[in-house]
Amino acid sequence: MPEIFVARLRPEFARGERDRCCHLFPAPPAGAVPKILHAYCGQQIAPGQAELMDRPRGMPCVTCMLLSPADSETLPVTGVDLLGIA
């Protein structure tokens, strides 16, 4: 079962609220620190520019919701500072 997490751009990196929708990301393999986080929709966010969410808040990315694995197949990622993105 793949692990996923929810994140959005931090306000200082967004051009406006439209850029701050919540995206779903597959968790990278244990021990891997990617240079860029890739959401299911194709959105790319650099670590340090993302705000980790414990659940979707505000506007969700509809494309991420459609392209991500079904809820019954996923395990949520927990933790406040996953890969230093929060």
PDB file of N, CA and C in Angstrom:
ATOM      1  N   MET A   1       0.830  -1.185   0.000  1.00  0.00           N
ATOM      2  CA  MET A   1       0.000   0.000   0.000  1.00  0.00           C
ATOM      3  C   MET A   1       0.870   1.242   0.000  1.00  0.00           C
ATOM      4  N   PRO A   2       0.658   2.144  -0.916  1.00  0.00           N
ATOM      5  CA  PRO A   2       1.484   3.362  -0.950  1.00  0.00           C
ATOM      6  C   PRO A   2       1.112   4.323   0.176  1.00  0.00           C
ATOM      7  N   GLU A   3       2.097   5.039   0.648  1.00  0.00           N
ATOM      8  CA  GLU A   3       1.850   6.089   1.633  1.00  0.00           C
ATOM      9  C   GLU A   3       1.741   7.412   0.888  1.00  0.00           C
ATOM     10  N   ILE A   4       0.842   8.255   1.345  1.00  0.00           N
ATOM     11  CA  ILE A   4       0.681   9.575   0.730  1.00  0.00           C
ATOM     12  C   ILE A   4       0.672  10.637   1.824  1.00  0.00           C
ATOM     13  N   PHE A   5       0.966  11.865   1.429  1.00  0.00           N
ATOM     14  CA  PHE A   5       0.833  12.991   2.350  1.00  0.00           C
ATOM     15  C   PHE A   5       0.225  14.162   1.610  1.00  0.00           C
ATOM     16  N   VAL A   6      -0.346  15.075   2.383  1.00  0.00           N
ATOM     17  CA  VAL A   6      -1.008  16.259   1.841  1.00  0.00           C
ATOM     18  C   VAL A   6      -0.143  17.473   2.172  1.00  0.00           C
ATOM     19  N   ALA A   7       0.120  18.296   1.168  1.00  0.00           N
ATOM     20  CA  ALA A   7       0.916  19.504   1.383  1.00  0.00           C
ATOM     21  C   ALA A   7       0.459  20.593   0.414  1.00  0.00           C
ATOM     22  N   ARG A   8       0.821  21.809   0.731  1.00  0.00           N
ATOM     23  CA  ARG A   8       0.549  22.951  -0.155  1.00  0.00           C
ATOM     24  C   ARG A   8       1.703  23.930  -0.024  1.00  0.00           C
ATOM     25  N   LEU A   9       1.791  24.840  -0.965  1.00  0.00           N
ATOM     26  CA  LEU A   9       2.838  25.855  -0.915  1.00  0.00           C
ATOM     27  C   LEU A   9       2.662  26.741   0.309  1.00  0.00           C
ATOM     28  N   ARG A  10       3.746  27.083   0.948  1.00  0.00           N
ATOM     29  CA  ARG A  10       3.694  28.055   2.038  1.00  0.00           C
ATOM     30  C   ARG A  10       3.369  29.417   1.438  1.00  0.00           C
ATOM     31  N   PRO A  11       2.715  30.289   2.199  1.00  0.00           N
ATOM     32  CA  PRO A  11       2.256  31.581   1.664  1.00  0.00           C
ATOM     33  C   PRO A  11       3.355  32.407   0.995  1.00  0.00           C
ATOM     34  N   GLU A  12       4.560  32.377   1.532  1.00  0.00           N
ATOM     35  CA  GLU A  12       5.627  33.214   0.970  1.00  0.00           C
ATOM     36  C   GLU A  12       6.114  32.739  -0.395  1.00  0.00           C
ATOM     37  N   PHE A  13       5.741  31.529  -0.801  1.00  0.00           N
ATOM     38  CA  PHE A  13       6.148  31.001  -2.099  1.00  0.00           C
ATOM     39  C   PHE A  13       4.998  30.981  -3.108  1.00  0.00           C
ATOM     40  N   ALA A  14       3.802  31.316  -2.674  1.00  0.00           N
ATOM     41  CA  ALA A  14       2.626  31.308  -3.551  1.00  0.00           C
ATOM     42  C   ALA A  14       2.382  32.699  -4.129  1.00  0.00           C
ATOM     43  N   ARG A  15       1.859  32.737  -5.344  1.00  0.00           N
ATOM     44  CA  ARG A  15       1.513  34.015  -5.972  1.00  0.00           C
ATOM     45  C   ARG A  15       0.154  34.520  -5.502  1.00  0.00           C
ATOM     46  N   GLY A  16      -0.575  33.659  -4.843  1.00  0.00           N
ATOM     47  CA  GLY A  16      -1.902  33.996  -4.334  1.00  0.00           C
ATOM     48  C   GLY A  16      -2.549  32.742  -3.773  1.00  0.00           C
ATOM     49  N   GLU A  17      -3.767  32.883  -3.280  1.00  0.00           N
ATOM     50  CA  GLU A  17      -4.451  31.736  -2.682  1.00  0.00           C
ATOM     51  C   GLU A  17      -4.699  30.616  -3.682  1.00  0.00           C
ATOM     52  N   ARG A  18      -4.820  30.941  -4.950  1.00  0.00           N
ATOM     53  CA  ARG A  18      -5.022  29.906  -5.976  1.00  0.00           C
ATOM     54  C   ARG A  18      -3.864  28.909  -5.991  1.00  0.00           C
ATOM     55  N   ASP A  19      -2.664  29.371  -5.704  1.00  0.00           N
ATOM     56  CA  ASP A  19      -1.480  28.499  -5.686  1.00  0.00           C
ATOM     57  C   ASP A  19      -1.397  27.644  -4.421  1.00  0.00           C
ATOM     58  N   ARG A  20      -2.291  27.881  -3.472  1.00  0.00           N
ATOM     59  CA  ARG A  20      -2.182  27.184  -2.189  1.00  0.00           C
ATOM     60  C   ARG A  20      -3.183  26.045  -2.023  1.00  0.00           C
ATOM     61  N   CYS A  21      -3.628  25.455  -3.120  1.00  0.00           N
ATOM     62  CA  CYS A  21      -4.523  24.306  -2.972  1.00  0.00           C
ATOM     63  C   CYS A  21      -3.723  23.123  -2.428  1.00  0.00           C
ATOM     64  N   CYS A  22      -4.422  22.203  -1.796  1.00  0.00           N
ATOM     65  CA  CYS A  22      -3.796  21.027  -1.176  1.00  0.00           C
ATOM     66  C   CYS A  22      -3.556  19.941  -2.215  1.00  0.00           C
ATOM     67  N   HIS A  23      -2.321  19.498  -2.313  1.00  0.00           N
ATOM     68  CA  HIS A  23      -1.933  18.455  -3.259  1.00  0.00           C
ATOM     69  C   HIS A  23      -1.627  17.168  -2.510  1.00  0.00           C
ATOM     70  N   LEU A  24      -1.790  16.053  -3.190  1.00  0.00           N
ATOM     71  CA  LEU A  24      -1.457  14.743  -2.642  1.00  0.00           C
ATOM     72  C   LEU A  24      -0.144  14.278  -3.262  1.00  0.00           C
ATOM     73  N   PHE A  25       0.769  13.831  -2.409  1.00  0.00           N
ATOM     74  CA  PHE A  25       2.097  13.402  -2.845  1.00  0.00           C
ATOM     75  C   PHE A  25       2.355  11.967  -2.402  1.00  0.00           C
ATOM     76  N   PRO A  26       2.956  11.155  -3.266  1.00  0.00           N
ATOM     77  CA  PRO A  26       3.396   9.845  -2.790  1.00  0.00           C
ATOM     78  C   PRO A  26       4.636  10.030  -1.913  1.00  0.00           C
ATOM     79  N   ALA A  27       4.674   9.327  -0.814  1.00  0.00           N
ATOM     80  CA  ALA A  27       5.840   9.426   0.070  1.00  0.00           C
ATOM     81  C   ALA A  27       7.033   8.773  -0.604  1.00  0.00           C
ATOM     82  N   PRO A  28       8.194   9.432  -0.584  1.00  0.00           N
ATOM     83  CA  PRO A  28       9.395   8.832  -1.182  1.00  0.00           C
ATOM     84  C   PRO A  28       9.850   7.627  -0.364  1.00  0.00           C
ATOM     85  N   PRO A  29      10.663   6.782  -0.951  1.00  0.00           N
ATOM     86  CA  PRO A  29      11.179   5.619  -0.206  1.00  0.00           C
ATOM     87  C   PRO A  29      11.922   6.064   1.056  1.00  0.00           C
ATOM     88  N   ALA A  30      11.903   5.224   2.054  1.00  0.00           N
ATOM     89  CA  ALA A  30      12.584   5.524   3.317  1.00  0.00           C
ATOM     90  C   ALA A  30      14.035   5.885   3.070  1.00  0.00           C
ATOM     91  N   GLY A  31      14.481   6.968   3.672  1.00  0.00           N
ATOM     92  CA  GLY A  31      15.864   7.405   3.549  1.00  0.00           C
ATOM     93  C   GLY A  31      16.144   8.288   2.348  1.00  0.00           C
ATOM     94  N   ALA A  32      15.214   8.368   1.407  1.00  0.00           N
ATOM     95  CA  ALA A  32      15.414   9.204   0.218  1.00  0.00           C
ATOM     96  C   ALA A  32      14.934  10.626   0.504  1.00  0.00           C
ATOM     97  N   VAL A  33      15.733  11.598   0.099  1.00  0.00           N
ATOM     98  CA  VAL A  33      15.347  13.003   0.229  1.00  0.00           C
ATOM     99  C   VAL A  33      15.345  13.605  -1.179  1.00  0.00           C
ATOM    100  N   PRO A  34      14.164  13.698  -1.795  1.00  0.00           N
ATOM    101  CA  PRO A  34      14.105  14.200  -3.171  1.00  0.00           C
ATOM    102  C   PRO A  34      14.400  15.695  -3.236  1.00  0.00           C
ATOM    103  N   LYS A  35      14.919  16.128  -4.385  1.00  0.00           N
ATOM    104  CA  LYS A  35      15.159  17.563  -4.595  1.00  0.00           C
ATOM    105  C   LYS A  35      13.856  18.285  -4.887  1.00  0.00           C
ATOM    106  N   ILE A  36      12.915  17.579  -5.502  1.00  0.00           N
ATOM    107  CA  ILE A  36      11.602  18.133  -5.840  1.00  0.00           C
ATOM    108  C   ILE A  36      10.542  17.113  -5.463  1.00  0.00           C
ATOM    109  N   LEU A  37       9.465  17.583  -4.844  1.00  0.00           N
ATOM    110  CA  LEU A  37       8.325  16.731  -4.530  1.00  0.00           C
ATOM    111  C   LEU A  37       7.360  16.782  -5.708  1.00  0.00           C
ATOM    112  N   HIS A  38       6.882  15.636  -6.165  1.00  0.00           N
ATOM    113  CA  HIS A  38       5.992  15.562  -7.318  1.00  0.00           C
ATOM    114  C   HIS A  38       4.619  15.082  -6.870  1.00  0.00           C
ATOM    115  N   ALA A  39       3.611  15.949  -7.001  1.00  0.00           N
ATOM    116  CA  ALA A  39       2.239  15.579  -6.652  1.00  0.00           C
ATOM    117  C   ALA A  39       1.661  14.688  -7.748  1.00  0.00           C
ATOM    118  N   TYR A  40       0.576  14.022  -7.435  1.00  0.00           N
ATOM    119  CA  TYR A  40      -0.067  13.157  -8.423  1.00  0.00           C
ATOM    120  C   TYR A  40      -0.520  13.943  -9.652  1.00  0.00           C
ATOM    121  N   CYS A  41      -0.835  15.210  -9.492  1.00  0.00           N
ATOM    122  CA  CYS A  41      -1.291  16.034 -10.618  1.00  0.00           C
ATOM    123  C   CYS A  41      -0.142  16.550 -11.477  1.00  0.00           C
ATOM    124  N   GLY A  42       1.095  16.415 -10.995  1.00  0.00           N
ATOM    125  CA  GLY A  42       2.249  16.931 -11.717  1.00  0.00           C
ATOM    126  C   GLY A  42       2.843  18.179 -11.092  1.00  0.00           C
ATOM    127  N   GLN A  43       2.156  18.778 -10.125  1.00  0.00           N
ATOM    128  CA  GLN A  43       2.686  19.956  -9.423  1.00  0.00           C
ATOM    129  C   GLN A  43       4.005  19.592  -8.764  1.00  0.00           C
ATOM    130  N   GLN A  44       4.974  20.472  -8.856  1.00  0.00           N
ATOM    131  CA  GLN A  44       6.282  20.251  -8.251  1.00  0.00           C
ATOM    132  C   GLN A  44       6.518  21.299  -7.179  1.00  0.00           C
ATOM    133  N   ILE A  45       6.946  20.841  -6.016  1.00  0.00           N
ATOM    134  CA  ILE A  45       7.246  21.744  -4.899  1.00  0.00           C
ATOM    135  C   ILE A  45       8.592  21.333  -4.323  1.00  0.00           C
ATOM    136  N   ALA A  46       9.467  22.296  -4.141  1.00  0.00           N
ATOM    137  CA  ALA A  46      10.773  22.014  -3.540  1.00  0.00           C
ATOM    138  C   ALA A  46      10.614  21.840  -2.035  1.00  0.00           C
ATOM    139  N   PRO A  47      11.333  20.876  -1.441  1.00  0.00           N
ATOM    140  CA  PRO A  47      11.298  20.758   0.017  1.00  0.00           C
ATOM    141  C   PRO A  47      11.679  22.105   0.647  1.00  0.00           C
ATOM    142  N   GLY A  48      11.000  22.461   1.705  1.00  0.00           N
ATOM    143  CA  GLY A  48      11.216  23.756   2.345  1.00  0.00           C
ATOM    144  C   GLY A  48      10.228  24.805   1.873  1.00  0.00           C
ATOM    145  N   GLN A  49       9.571  24.552   0.746  1.00  0.00           N
ATOM    146  CA  GLN A  49       8.564  25.477   0.237  1.00  0.00           C
ATOM    147  C   GLN A  49       7.151  24.970   0.496  1.00  0.00           C
ATOM    148  N   ALA A  50       7.040  23.792   1.094  1.00  0.00           N
ATOM    149  CA  ALA A  50       5.736  23.168   1.300  1.00  0.00           C
ATOM    150  C   ALA A  50       5.326  23.217   2.764  1.00  0.00           C
ATOM    151  N   GLU A  51       4.034  23.252   2.961  1.00  0.00           N
ATOM    152  CA  GLU A  51       3.432  23.200   4.282  1.00  0.00           C
ATOM    153  C   GLU A  51       2.725  21.852   4.392  1.00  0.00           C
ATOM    154  N   LEU A  52       3.199  20.991   5.291  1.00  0.00           N
ATOM    155  CA  LEU A  52       2.618  19.673   5.475  1.00  0.00           C
ATOM    156  C   LEU A  52       1.294  19.825   6.206  1.00  0.00           C
ATOM    157  N   MET A  53       0.267  19.158   5.696  1.00  0.00           N
ATOM    158  CA  MET A  53      -1.061  19.240   6.284  1.00  0.00           C
ATOM    159  C   MET A  53      -1.408  17.896   6.912  1.00  0.00           C
ATOM    160  N   ASP A  54      -2.127  17.920   8.043  1.00  0.00           N
ATOM    161  CA  ASP A  54      -2.574  16.664   8.639  1.00  0.00           C
ATOM    162  C   ASP A  54      -3.824  16.145   7.940  1.00  0.00           C
ATOM    163  N   ARG A  55      -4.470  16.996   7.162  1.00  0.00           N
ATOM    164  CA  ARG A  55      -5.633  16.651   6.338  1.00  0.00           C
ATOM    165  C   ARG A  55      -5.820  17.775   5.331  1.00  0.00           C
ATOM    166  N   PRO A  56      -6.571  17.542   4.262  1.00  0.00           N
ATOM    167  CA  PRO A  56      -6.798  18.644   3.318  1.00  0.00           C
ATOM    168  C   PRO A  56      -7.524  19.800   3.994  1.00  0.00           C
ATOM    169  N   ARG A  57      -7.072  20.984   3.723  1.00  0.00           N
ATOM    170  CA  ARG A  57      -7.711  22.203   4.224  1.00  0.00           C
ATOM    171  C   ARG A  57      -7.841  23.143   3.050  1.00  0.00           C
ATOM    172  N   GLY A  58      -8.877  23.930   3.038  1.00  0.00           N
ATOM    173  CA  GLY A  58      -9.056  24.851   1.929  1.00  0.00           C
ATOM    174  C   GLY A  58      -9.397  24.092   0.658  1.00  0.00           C
ATOM    175  N   MET A  59      -8.902  24.583  -0.444  1.00  0.00           N
ATOM    176  CA  MET A  59      -9.228  24.012  -1.750  1.00  0.00           C
ATOM    177  C   MET A  59      -8.352  22.805  -2.055  1.00  0.00           C
ATOM    178  N   PRO A  60      -8.953  21.629  -2.279  1.00  0.00           N
ATOM    179  CA  PRO A  60      -8.147  20.468  -2.671  1.00  0.00           C
ATOM    180  C   PRO A  60      -7.853  20.523  -4.167  1.00  0.00           C
ATOM    181  N   CYS A  61      -6.776  19.884  -4.566  1.00  0.00           N
ATOM    182  CA  CYS A  61      -6.464  19.750  -5.981  1.00  0.00           C
ATOM    183  C   CYS A  61      -7.301  18.595  -6.525  1.00  0.00           C
ATOM    184  N   VAL A  62      -8.244  18.924  -7.384  1.00  0.00           N
ATOM    185  CA  VAL A  62      -9.148  17.903  -7.920  1.00  0.00           C
ATOM    186  C   VAL A  62      -8.381  16.864  -8.731  1.00  0.00           C
ATOM    187  N   THR A  63      -7.394  17.299  -9.488  1.00  0.00           N
ATOM    188  CA  THR A  63      -6.622  16.354 -10.302  1.00  0.00           C
ATOM    189  C   THR A  63      -5.871  15.367  -9.410  1.00  0.00           C
ATOM    190  N   CYS A  64      -5.282  15.840  -8.325  1.00  0.00           N
ATOM    191  CA  CYS A  64      -4.611  14.934  -7.381  1.00  0.00           C
ATOM    192  C   CYS A  64      -5.606  13.920  -6.824  1.00  0.00           C
ATOM    193  N   MET A  65      -6.790  14.384  -6.486  1.00  0.00           N
ATOM    194  CA  MET A  65      -7.793  13.484  -5.927  1.00  0.00           C
ATOM    195  C   MET A  65      -8.182  12.409  -6.934  1.00  0.00           C
ATOM    196  N   LEU A  66      -8.274  12.771  -8.189  1.00  0.00           N
ATOM    197  CA  LEU A  66      -8.663  11.807  -9.215  1.00  0.00           C
ATOM    198  C   LEU A  66      -7.541  10.833  -9.565  1.00  0.00           C
ATOM    199  N   LEU A  67      -6.296  11.293  -9.505  1.00  0.00           N
ATOM    200  CA  LEU A  67      -5.165  10.466  -9.934  1.00  0.00           C
ATOM    201  C   LEU A  67      -4.486   9.683  -8.818  1.00  0.00           C
ATOM    202  N   SER A  68      -4.776  10.006  -7.573  1.00  0.00           N
ATOM    203  CA  SER A  68      -4.138   9.312  -6.459  1.00  0.00           C
ATOM    204  C   SER A  68      -4.804   7.961  -6.217  1.00  0.00           C
ATOM    205  N   PRO A  69      -4.112   7.057  -5.503  1.00  0.00           N
ATOM    206  CA  PRO A  69      -4.710   5.752  -5.191  1.00  0.00           C
ATOM    207  C   PRO A  69      -5.967   5.924  -4.350  1.00  0.00           C
ATOM    208  N   ALA A  70      -6.848   4.967  -4.420  1.00  0.00           N
ATOM    209  CA  ALA A  70      -8.081   5.010  -3.633  1.00  0.00           C
ATOM    210  C   ALA A  70      -7.761   4.996  -2.143  1.00  0.00           C
ATOM    211  N   ASP A  71      -8.618   5.604  -1.339  1.00  0.00           N
ATOM    212  CA  ASP A  71      -8.409   5.685   0.112  1.00  0.00           C
ATOM    213  C   ASP A  71      -8.161   4.331   0.755  1.00  0.00           C
ATOM    214  N   SER A  72      -8.857   3.325   0.334  1.00  0.00           N
ATOM    215  CA  SER A  72      -8.704   2.009   0.953  1.00  0.00           C
ATOM    216  C   SER A  72      -7.328   1.404   0.684  1.00  0.00           C
ATOM    217  N   GLU A  73      -6.596   1.946  -0.266  1.00  0.00           N
ATOM    218  CA  GLU A  73      -5.288   1.400  -0.622  1.00  0.00           C
ATOM    219  C   GLU A  73      -4.121   2.200  -0.053  1.00  0.00           C
ATOM    220  N   THR A  74      -4.399   3.272   0.681  1.00  0.00           N
ATOM    221  CA  THR A  74      -3.317   4.144   1.131  1.00  0.00           C
ATOM    222  C   THR A  74      -3.150   4.123   2.638  1.00  0.00           C
ATOM    223  N   LEU A  75      -1.953   4.457   3.060  1.00  0.00           N
ATOM    224  CA  LEU A  75      -1.641   4.649   4.463  1.00  0.00           C
ATOM    225  C   LEU A  75      -1.221   6.104   4.627  1.00  0.00           C
ATOM    226  N   PRO A  76      -1.864   6.864   5.518  1.00  0.00           N
ATOM    227  CA  PRO A  76      -1.467   8.257   5.686  1.00  0.00           C
ATOM    228  C   PRO A  76      -0.083   8.366   6.319  1.00  0.00           C
ATOM    229  N   VAL A  77       0.659   9.373   5.912  1.00  0.00           N
ATOM    230  CA  VAL A  77       1.963   9.656   6.508  1.00  0.00           C
ATOM    231  C   VAL A  77       1.736  10.593   7.662  1.00  0.00           C
ATOM    232  N   THR A  78       2.328  10.288   8.797  1.00  0.00           N
ATOM    233  CA  THR A  78       2.177  11.159   9.954  1.00  0.00           C
ATOM    234  C   THR A  78       3.522  11.761  10.301  1.00  0.00           C
ATOM    235  N   GLY A  79       3.488  12.819  11.037  1.00  0.00           N
ATOM    236  CA  GLY A  79       4.720  13.484  11.446  1.00  0.00           C
ATOM    237  C   GLY A  79       4.664  14.950  11.084  1.00  0.00           C
ATOM    238  N   VAL A  80       5.288  15.759  11.892  1.00  0.00           N
ATOM    239  CA  VAL A  80       5.238  17.194  11.691  1.00  0.00           C
ATOM    240  C   VAL A  80       6.265  17.661  10.684  1.00  0.00           C
ATOM    241  N   ASP A  81       7.374  16.988  10.589  1.00  0.00           N
ATOM    242  CA  ASP A  81       8.462  17.473   9.756  1.00  0.00           C
ATOM    243  C   ASP A  81       8.937  16.403   8.772  1.00  0.00           C
ATOM    244  N   LEU A  82       8.080  15.965   7.892  1.00  0.00           N
ATOM    245  CA  LEU A  82       8.431  14.946   6.915  1.00  0.00           C
ATOM    246  C   LEU A  82       9.406  15.532   5.894  1.00  0.00           C
ATOM    247  N   LEU A  83      10.587  14.998   5.821  1.00  0.00           N
ATOM    248  CA  LEU A  83      11.623  15.421   4.870  1.00  0.00           C
ATOM    249  C   LEU A  83      11.943  16.908   4.943  1.00  0.00           C
ATOM    250  N   GLY A  84      11.670  17.541   6.053  1.00  0.00           N
ATOM    251  CA  GLY A  84      11.995  18.959   6.207  1.00  0.00           C
ATOM    252  C   GLY A  84      11.127  19.886   5.384  1.00  0.00           C
ATOM    253  N   ILE A  85       9.919  19.433   4.977  1.00  0.00           N
ATOM    254  CA  ILE A  85       9.080  20.305   4.148  1.00  0.00           C
ATOM    255  C   ILE A  85       8.185  21.185   4.979  1.00  0.00           C
ATOM    256  N   ALA A  86       7.989  20.862   6.236  1.00  0.00           N
ATOM    257  CA  ALA A  86       7.096  21.680   7.048  1.00  0.00           C
ATOM    258  C   ALA A  86       7.888  22.624   7.913  1.00  0.00           C
TER     259      ALA A  86
END
